[in-house]
Amino acid sequence: NRLRGIVERIDPALTEILRPLLAPTLPFHYRHYAKQVFAFVGGRAVLGSYVAGTHEVTDNSACPVHVQALQRSLDGVVDLTRRLRLRVHDGAGREGLRYAIARHSRTEARSLLVLVTSAADPVEAVHLAEHALAADANLAGVRVLQQVGDSNTLLAGTSAWASGEETLREDLLGESHAISAMDFFQVNPPAAEAMFACALEVAGSGAIALDLYAGVGAMALPLARRFAKVHAVESHAGAAARLAARTTEPGLAGISVHAATVEATLPELLQSCAGGVAVCDPPRKGLQAEVSALLAASALSRIVLLACDPSSLLRDLPPLIAGGFKVRCVQGVDQFPRTGHVEAVVGLERA
């Protein structure tokens, strides 16, 4: 209903091409990635999440949306924190354990854990990491980040300790990806796979494709099997380097990786991409106005837009439509069951 309302505000006629919602996963145990906050709740250490709009932390023990093996690991970390009587960061001058970030691979059925401490001496966090790795067979690797100061960025800091695997393999659409706990990657792989499959169907095949906001290549790799040339643009240096390393593999030589922002790279790329396809998977805020204008004025034949937040379509679609593109399909995907959040795939063609 939310996506339908947004589409109707753009153009009521678009509701006629709105496809039925894809819901690839069950409403429980679908989340393969967790970002948790250490806090004291009711006089004891917990891992939880901030209540929206506040710094109040809820206790997420036995969380029903996390993959069960991942949640058992997080609950084990909390139990060790209590038994070892470790200090917890409180935002009022007390240093200690601050965040826990964990990723589970459905392909390998193992997890990675990152512990973030605000303590000047990370010894307690390292002690916890060693105990967690020894006690939990699900954990393939653990690292400790030392975050001194007031930063609210979860993965900011310097590496203080690491043991075990740094990455695990995750397969999407027949392609394997080496993913660390610190990489951006889809938190619900089955739903992501359904969304990307839809995007590939809309993109089709041909001579040239742009993969904008490419990440580690979840779309660039399968696009390379369908297009003779793929320009993948990614501003995160680590993700771009990891994707570039894949281009020596069979069938992937057609990928050119551009380690830069989309707005800096797109003007030059569009000069040689007439008749091509652009697949755009921007951050939650959607396309930059500059990027929308460039795409609208381009000689591309098709655009595939993945919207993490469909409300961004209210800003992103009108310039493309005004530039001569026609919306051919809108597909909603339920990436986060039991929430009001929905993602969308929109296919546009030159009218």
Protein backbone atom coordinates (compact mmCIF):
# COMPACT_ATOMS: atom_id res chain seq x y z
CA ASN A 1 0.00 0.00 0.00
CA ARG A 2 2.84 2.37 0.78
CA LEU A 3 4.53 1.80 -2.58
CA ARG A 4 1.19 2.11 -4.38
CA GLY A 5 0.57 5.45 -2.70
CA ILE A 6 3.97 6.77 -3.74
CA VAL A 7 3.54 5.61 -7.33
CA GLU A 8 0.08 7.14 -7.47
CA ARG A 9 1.45 10.51 -6.37
CA ILE A 10 3.95 10.44 -9.24
CA ASP A 11 1.38 9.39 -11.85
CA PRO A 12 -1.91 7.55 -11.12
CA ALA A 13 -1.52 5.64 -14.39
CA LEU A 14 1.60 3.93 -13.01
CA THR A 15 -0.51 1.88 -10.58
CA GLU A 16 -1.59 -0.18 -13.60
CA ILE A 17 1.98 -1.48 -14.08
CA LEU A 18 2.68 -2.05 -10.38
CA ARG A 19 3.53 -5.74 -9.99
CA PRO A 20 2.42 -7.86 -7.00
CA LEU A 21 4.77 -7.57 -4.02
CA LEU A 22 7.60 -10.12 -3.86
CA ALA A 23 7.96 -11.68 -0.39
CA PRO A 24 10.79 -14.22 -0.75
CA THR A 25 11.36 -15.01 2.94
CA LEU A 26 9.41 -15.97 6.04
CA PRO A 27 8.73 -13.21 8.61
CA PHE A 28 11.26 -14.58 11.11
CA HIS A 29 15.00 -15.36 11.12
CA TYR A 30 15.76 -13.62 7.83
CA ARG A 31 18.30 -11.00 8.85
CA HIS A 32 21.93 -12.06 8.23
CA TYR A 33 23.54 -8.88 9.54
CA ALA A 34 23.31 -7.26 12.97
CA LYS A 35 24.46 -3.88 14.29
CA GLN A 36 24.05 -3.87 18.06
CA VAL A 37 24.77 -1.43 20.90
CA PHE A 38 26.19 -2.42 24.29
CA ALA A 39 24.30 -0.86 27.21
CA PHE A 40 23.20 -1.43 30.78
CA VAL A 41 19.47 -2.09 30.96
CA GLY A 42 17.88 -3.03 34.27
CA GLY A 43 21.31 -3.14 35.89
CA ARG A 44 22.86 -5.66 33.53
CA ALA A 45 24.76 -5.60 30.24
CA VAL A 46 22.73 -6.13 27.06
CA LEU A 47 23.07 -5.83 23.32
CA GLY A 48 20.27 -3.96 21.64
CA SER A 49 19.13 -1.19 19.32
CA TYR A 50 18.31 2.47 19.82
CA VAL A 51 14.64 3.29 20.10
CA ALA A 52 13.81 5.49 17.09
CA GLY A 53 14.66 9.12 17.74
CA THR A 54 16.32 8.44 21.12
CA HIS A 55 19.50 7.07 22.69
CA GLU A 56 17.50 4.59 24.76
CA VAL A 57 18.63 1.02 24.08
CA THR A 58 16.28 -1.96 23.96
CA ASP A 59 17.36 -5.47 24.96
CA ASN A 60 17.53 -7.57 21.78
CA SER A 61 18.20 -10.93 23.39
CA ALA A 62 16.58 -13.78 21.42
CA CYS A 63 15.71 -11.36 18.62
CA PRO A 64 13.30 -13.21 16.27
CA VAL A 65 14.37 -11.52 13.02
CA HIS A 66 18.07 -12.44 13.16
CA VAL A 67 19.22 -15.73 11.68
CA GLN A 68 19.22 -18.10 14.64
CA ALA A 69 22.94 -18.95 14.54
CA LEU A 70 23.79 -15.23 14.45
CA GLN A 71 21.53 -14.46 17.39
CA ARG A 72 22.99 -17.31 19.43
CA SER A 73 26.45 -15.80 18.88
CA LEU A 74 25.25 -12.36 20.01
CA ASP A 75 23.53 -13.81 23.07
CA GLY A 76 26.78 -15.65 23.85
CA VAL A 77 28.73 -12.38 23.68
CA VAL A 78 26.33 -10.80 26.16
CA ASP A 79 26.62 -13.78 28.51
CA LEU A 80 30.42 -13.57 28.42
CA THR A 81 30.32 -9.81 29.01
CA ARG A 82 28.30 -10.38 32.18
CA ARG A 83 30.34 -13.33 33.44
CA LEU A 84 33.65 -11.56 32.83
CA ARG A 85 32.29 -8.34 34.40
CA LEU A 86 33.47 -6.21 31.50
CA ARG A 87 32.96 -2.47 31.29
CA VAL A 88 30.35 -1.04 28.90
CA HIS A 89 30.41 2.40 27.27
CA ASP A 90 27.64 4.62 28.68
CA GLY A 91 28.03 7.92 26.79
CA ALA A 92 28.62 9.81 30.03
CA GLY A 93 32.36 9.39 30.35
CA ARG A 94 32.57 5.67 30.99
CA GLU A 95 34.72 3.79 28.48
CA GLY A 96 34.21 0.20 27.45
CA LEU A 97 32.45 -2.08 25.00
CA ARG A 98 30.37 0.02 22.61
CA TYR A 99 29.14 -1.93 19.57
CA ALA A 100 28.94 -5.46 18.20
CA ILE A 101 28.58 -6.01 14.44
CA ALA A 102 28.01 -9.51 13.11
CA ARG A 103 27.42 -11.05 9.69
CA HIS A 104 26.26 -14.59 8.91
CA SER A 105 26.91 -16.35 5.62
CA ARG A 106 24.04 -18.53 4.46
CA THR A 107 26.47 -20.14 1.99
CA GLU A 108 29.07 -21.22 4.56
CA ALA A 109 26.74 -21.27 7.61
CA ARG A 110 29.31 -19.38 9.70
CA SER A 111 29.55 -15.87 11.13
CA LEU A 112 31.99 -12.99 11.58
CA LEU A 113 32.01 -10.66 14.58
CA VAL A 114 33.45 -7.18 15.17
CA LEU A 115 33.64 -5.75 18.69
CA VAL A 116 34.09 -1.99 19.05
CA THR A 117 35.48 -0.51 22.27
CA SER A 118 35.85 3.09 23.38
CA ALA A 119 38.48 2.17 26.01
CA ALA A 120 41.97 3.65 25.70
CA ASP A 121 43.27 0.15 26.48
CA PRO A 122 41.37 -2.48 24.45
CA VAL A 123 42.45 -5.37 26.69
CA GLU A 124 38.90 -6.17 27.92
CA ALA A 125 37.48 -6.21 24.39
CA VAL A 126 40.32 -8.47 23.26
CA HIS A 127 39.66 -10.74 26.24
CA LEU A 128 35.99 -10.97 25.22
CA ALA A 129 36.91 -11.64 21.57
CA GLU A 130 39.25 -14.49 22.52
CA HIS A 131 36.64 -16.11 24.75
CA ALA A 132 33.88 -15.72 22.14
CA LEU A 133 35.98 -17.27 19.39
CA ALA A 134 36.95 -20.19 21.61
CA ALA A 135 33.43 -20.84 22.88
CA ASP A 136 31.37 -20.41 19.71
CA ALA A 137 31.90 -22.85 16.84
CA ASN A 138 29.69 -20.64 14.64
CA LEU A 139 32.26 -17.83 14.66
CA ALA A 140 34.81 -18.03 11.85
CA GLY A 141 36.60 -14.81 12.77
CA VAL A 142 36.54 -11.99 15.30
CA ARG A 143 38.19 -8.57 15.27
CA VAL A 144 38.36 -5.67 17.74
CA LEU A 145 38.19 -2.00 16.75
CA GLN A 146 39.33 0.72 19.12
CA GLN A 147 37.16 3.83 18.83
CA VAL A 148 38.43 6.65 21.02
CA GLY A 149 36.31 9.81 21.01
CA ASP A 150 32.69 10.70 20.42
CA SER A 151 32.16 9.19 16.96
CA ASN A 152 28.76 7.59 16.41
CA THR A 153 29.97 5.74 13.31
CA LEU A 154 29.78 2.09 14.28
CA LEU A 155 32.78 0.86 12.29
CA ALA A 156 35.05 3.85 12.80
CA GLY A 157 38.31 3.20 14.63
CA THR A 158 41.62 1.41 14.40
CA SER A 159 42.15 -2.33 14.39
CA ALA A 160 43.38 -3.53 17.78
CA TRP A 161 43.18 -7.31 17.40
CA ALA A 162 41.97 -9.93 14.94
CA SER A 163 41.85 -13.70 14.72
CA GLY A 164 40.36 -16.18 12.30
CA GLU A 165 38.80 -15.47 8.93
CA GLU A 166 38.42 -11.91 7.68
CA THR A 167 35.80 -12.73 5.03
CA LEU A 168 33.22 -15.40 4.31
CA ARG A 169 31.70 -16.45 1.00
CA GLU A 170 28.18 -15.45 0.09
CA ASP A 171 26.57 -16.60 -3.17
CA LEU A 172 24.03 -14.48 -5.04
CA LEU A 173 22.62 -15.36 -8.47
CA GLY A 174 25.32 -17.97 -9.01
CA GLU A 175 28.17 -15.54 -8.24
CA SER A 176 30.40 -15.87 -5.17
CA HIS A 177 31.38 -12.85 -3.09
CA ALA A 178 33.95 -12.59 -0.29
CA ILE A 179 32.26 -10.43 2.35
CA SER A 180 33.66 -9.11 5.62
CA ALA A 181 31.63 -8.00 8.61
CA MET A 182 32.58 -4.43 7.72
CA ASP A 183 31.40 -4.50 4.08
CA PHE A 184 28.08 -3.16 2.92
CA PHE A 185 26.09 -6.12 1.67
CA GLN A 186 22.44 -7.10 1.65
CA VAL A 187 21.16 -8.19 5.08
CA ASN A 188 18.54 -10.56 3.60
CA PRO A 189 20.30 -12.53 0.82
CA PRO A 190 17.24 -14.48 -0.44
CA ALA A 191 15.22 -11.27 -0.80
CA ALA A 192 18.20 -9.47 -2.33
CA GLU A 193 18.55 -12.28 -4.83
CA ALA A 194 14.91 -11.89 -5.86
CA MET A 195 15.34 -8.13 -6.20
CA PHE A 196 18.53 -8.41 -8.27
CA ALA A 197 16.97 -11.09 -10.48
CA CYS A 198 14.13 -8.69 -11.22
CA ALA A 199 16.62 -5.90 -11.99
CA LEU A 200 18.53 -8.17 -14.37
CA GLU A 201 15.32 -9.17 -16.14
CA VAL A 202 14.48 -5.50 -16.70
CA ALA A 203 18.05 -4.64 -17.76
CA GLY A 204 18.08 -7.38 -20.40
CA SER A 205 21.31 -7.80 -22.39
CA GLY A 206 23.34 -5.89 -24.94
CA ALA A 207 26.59 -4.11 -25.69
CA ILE A 208 27.11 -1.85 -22.70
CA ALA A 209 25.82 -1.36 -19.16
CA LEU A 210 26.59 1.00 -16.30
CA ASP A 211 26.46 -0.34 -12.75
CA LEU A 212 26.21 2.75 -10.59
CA TYR A 213 26.89 2.41 -6.82
CA ALA A 214 28.31 -1.04 -7.57
CA GLY A 215 29.58 -2.07 -4.14
CA VAL A 216 31.50 -5.36 -4.33
CA GLY A 217 29.74 -6.30 -7.57
CA ALA A 218 26.47 -8.02 -6.66
CA MET A 219 25.02 -6.64 -9.91
CA ALA A 220 28.22 -6.03 -11.92
CA LEU A 221 29.16 -9.72 -12.04
CA PRO A 222 25.86 -11.06 -13.43
CA LEU A 223 25.62 -8.02 -15.74
CA ALA A 224 29.00 -9.02 -17.19
CA ARG A 225 27.45 -12.32 -18.29
CA ARG A 226 24.78 -10.38 -20.22
CA PHE A 227 26.62 -7.33 -21.58
CA ALA A 228 29.84 -7.09 -23.57
CA LYS A 229 31.06 -4.15 -21.47
CA VAL A 230 30.16 -3.13 -17.90
CA HIS A 231 31.34 0.09 -16.25
CA ALA A 232 31.07 -0.37 -12.47
CA VAL A 233 31.27 2.83 -10.40
CA GLU A 234 31.93 2.58 -6.65
CA SER A 235 33.29 5.31 -4.34
CA HIS A 236 34.35 3.00 -1.48
CA ALA A 237 38.00 2.22 -2.23
CA GLY A 238 37.99 -1.19 -0.53
CA ALA A 239 34.87 -2.42 -2.31
CA ALA A 240 36.11 -1.07 -5.66
CA ALA A 241 39.48 -2.80 -5.22
CA ARG A 242 37.81 -6.10 -4.35
CA LEU A 243 35.61 -5.87 -7.43
CA ALA A 244 38.57 -4.93 -9.64
CA ALA A 245 40.41 -8.04 -8.46
CA ARG A 246 37.54 -10.16 -9.80
CA THR A 247 37.93 -8.92 -13.39
CA THR A 248 40.71 -11.42 -14.08
CA GLU A 249 38.25 -14.29 -13.64
CA PRO A 250 36.73 -16.05 -16.68
CA GLY A 251 33.79 -14.16 -18.15
CA LEU A 252 34.42 -10.99 -16.12
CA ALA A 253 37.09 -9.28 -18.23
CA GLY A 254 34.45 -6.93 -19.63
CA ILE A 255 34.09 -5.13 -16.30
CA SER A 256 35.87 -1.78 -15.89
CA VAL A 257 35.90 -0.53 -12.30
CA HIS A 258 35.86 3.20 -11.55
CA ALA A 259 36.82 3.94 -7.94
CA ALA A 260 35.10 7.33 -7.71
CA THR A 261 31.74 8.92 -7.01
CA VAL A 262 28.96 8.52 -9.55
CA GLU A 263 28.54 12.26 -10.00
CA ALA A 264 32.25 12.68 -10.79
CA THR A 265 32.43 9.77 -13.23
CA LEU A 266 29.07 9.75 -14.98
CA PRO A 267 29.49 12.74 -17.36
CA GLU A 268 32.47 11.13 -19.11
CA LEU A 269 30.97 7.63 -19.12
CA LEU A 270 27.75 8.78 -20.74
CA GLN A 271 29.66 10.12 -23.73
CA SER A 272 30.39 6.55 -24.86
CA CYS A 273 27.26 4.75 -23.64
CA ALA A 274 24.61 5.73 -26.19
CA GLY A 275 21.94 3.04 -26.35
CA GLY A 276 23.24 1.38 -23.20
CA VAL A 277 21.58 0.49 -19.90
CA ALA A 278 22.19 2.02 -16.47
CA VAL A 279 21.50 0.01 -13.33
CA CYS A 280 21.39 2.31 -10.29
CA ASP A 281 21.41 1.01 -6.71
CA PRO A 282 21.99 4.24 -4.73
CA PRO A 283 22.03 4.68 -0.94
CA ARG A 284 18.76 5.03 0.94
CA LYS A 285 18.47 8.75 0.15
CA GLY A 286 18.29 7.95 -3.58
CA LEU A 287 19.98 9.60 -6.54
CA GLN A 288 21.70 12.96 -6.29
CA ALA A 289 19.82 15.66 -8.24
CA GLU A 290 22.92 16.02 -10.41
CA VAL A 291 22.85 12.31 -11.25
CA SER A 292 19.12 12.37 -12.09
CA ALA A 293 19.73 15.32 -14.46
CA LEU A 294 22.63 13.56 -16.18
CA LEU A 295 20.65 10.36 -16.69
CA ALA A 296 17.61 12.27 -17.94
CA ALA A 297 19.71 14.07 -20.57
CA SER A 298 21.61 10.94 -21.62
CA ALA A 299 21.29 8.76 -24.72
CA LEU A 300 20.73 5.64 -22.64
CA SER A 301 17.99 3.31 -23.82
CA ARG A 302 17.01 1.91 -20.39
CA ILE A 303 17.44 2.72 -16.72
CA VAL A 304 16.87 0.27 -13.87
CA LEU A 305 16.48 2.04 -10.53
CA LEU A 306 16.61 0.16 -7.21
CA ALA A 307 15.07 2.22 -4.43
CA CYS A 308 15.90 1.28 -0.84
CA ASP A 309 13.36 3.87 0.27
CA PRO A 310 10.49 4.22 -2.24
CA SER A 311 9.80 7.78 -1.09
CA SER A 312 13.03 8.73 -2.91
CA LEU A 313 11.16 7.93 -6.13
CA LEU A 314 9.07 11.06 -5.59
CA ARG A 315 12.21 13.06 -6.27
CA ASP A 316 14.11 10.72 -8.62
CA LEU A 317 11.47 9.65 -11.17
CA PRO A 318 9.94 13.00 -12.30
CA PRO A 319 13.21 14.33 -13.86
CA LEU A 320 13.71 11.03 -15.72
CA ILE A 321 10.14 11.05 -17.00
CA ALA A 322 10.48 14.70 -18.03
CA GLY A 323 13.70 13.78 -19.84
CA GLY A 324 11.88 11.35 -22.10
CA PHE A 325 11.92 8.06 -20.16
CA LYS A 326 8.76 6.03 -19.66
CA VAL A 327 8.21 3.82 -16.61
CA ARG A 328 7.61 0.26 -17.83
CA CYS A 329 7.39 -1.63 -14.53
CA VAL A 330 7.44 -1.16 -10.76
CA GLN A 331 8.24 -4.15 -8.54
CA GLY A 332 8.06 -4.01 -4.74
CA VAL A 333 10.24 -6.38 -2.68
CA ASP A 334 9.68 -7.17 1.00
CA GLN A 335 13.28 -7.17 2.21
CA PHE A 336 12.36 -6.65 5.87
CA PRO A 337 9.28 -8.67 6.89
CA ARG A 338 7.35 -7.48 9.96
CA THR A 339 8.28 -3.85 9.21
CA GLY A 340 6.71 -1.11 7.10
CA HIS A 341 9.83 -0.97 4.97
CA VAL A 342 9.68 -2.01 1.32
CA GLU A 343 12.17 -1.73 -1.55
CA ALA A 344 11.40 -1.25 -5.22
CA VAL A 345 12.77 -1.99 -8.68
CA VAL A 346 11.71 0.46 -11.38
CA GLY A 347 12.35 -0.12 -15.08
CA LEU A 348 12.39 2.85 -17.47
CA GLU A 349 12.85 3.00 -21.25
CA ARG A 350 13.32 5.82 -23.73
CA ALA A 351 9.82 6.67 -24.96
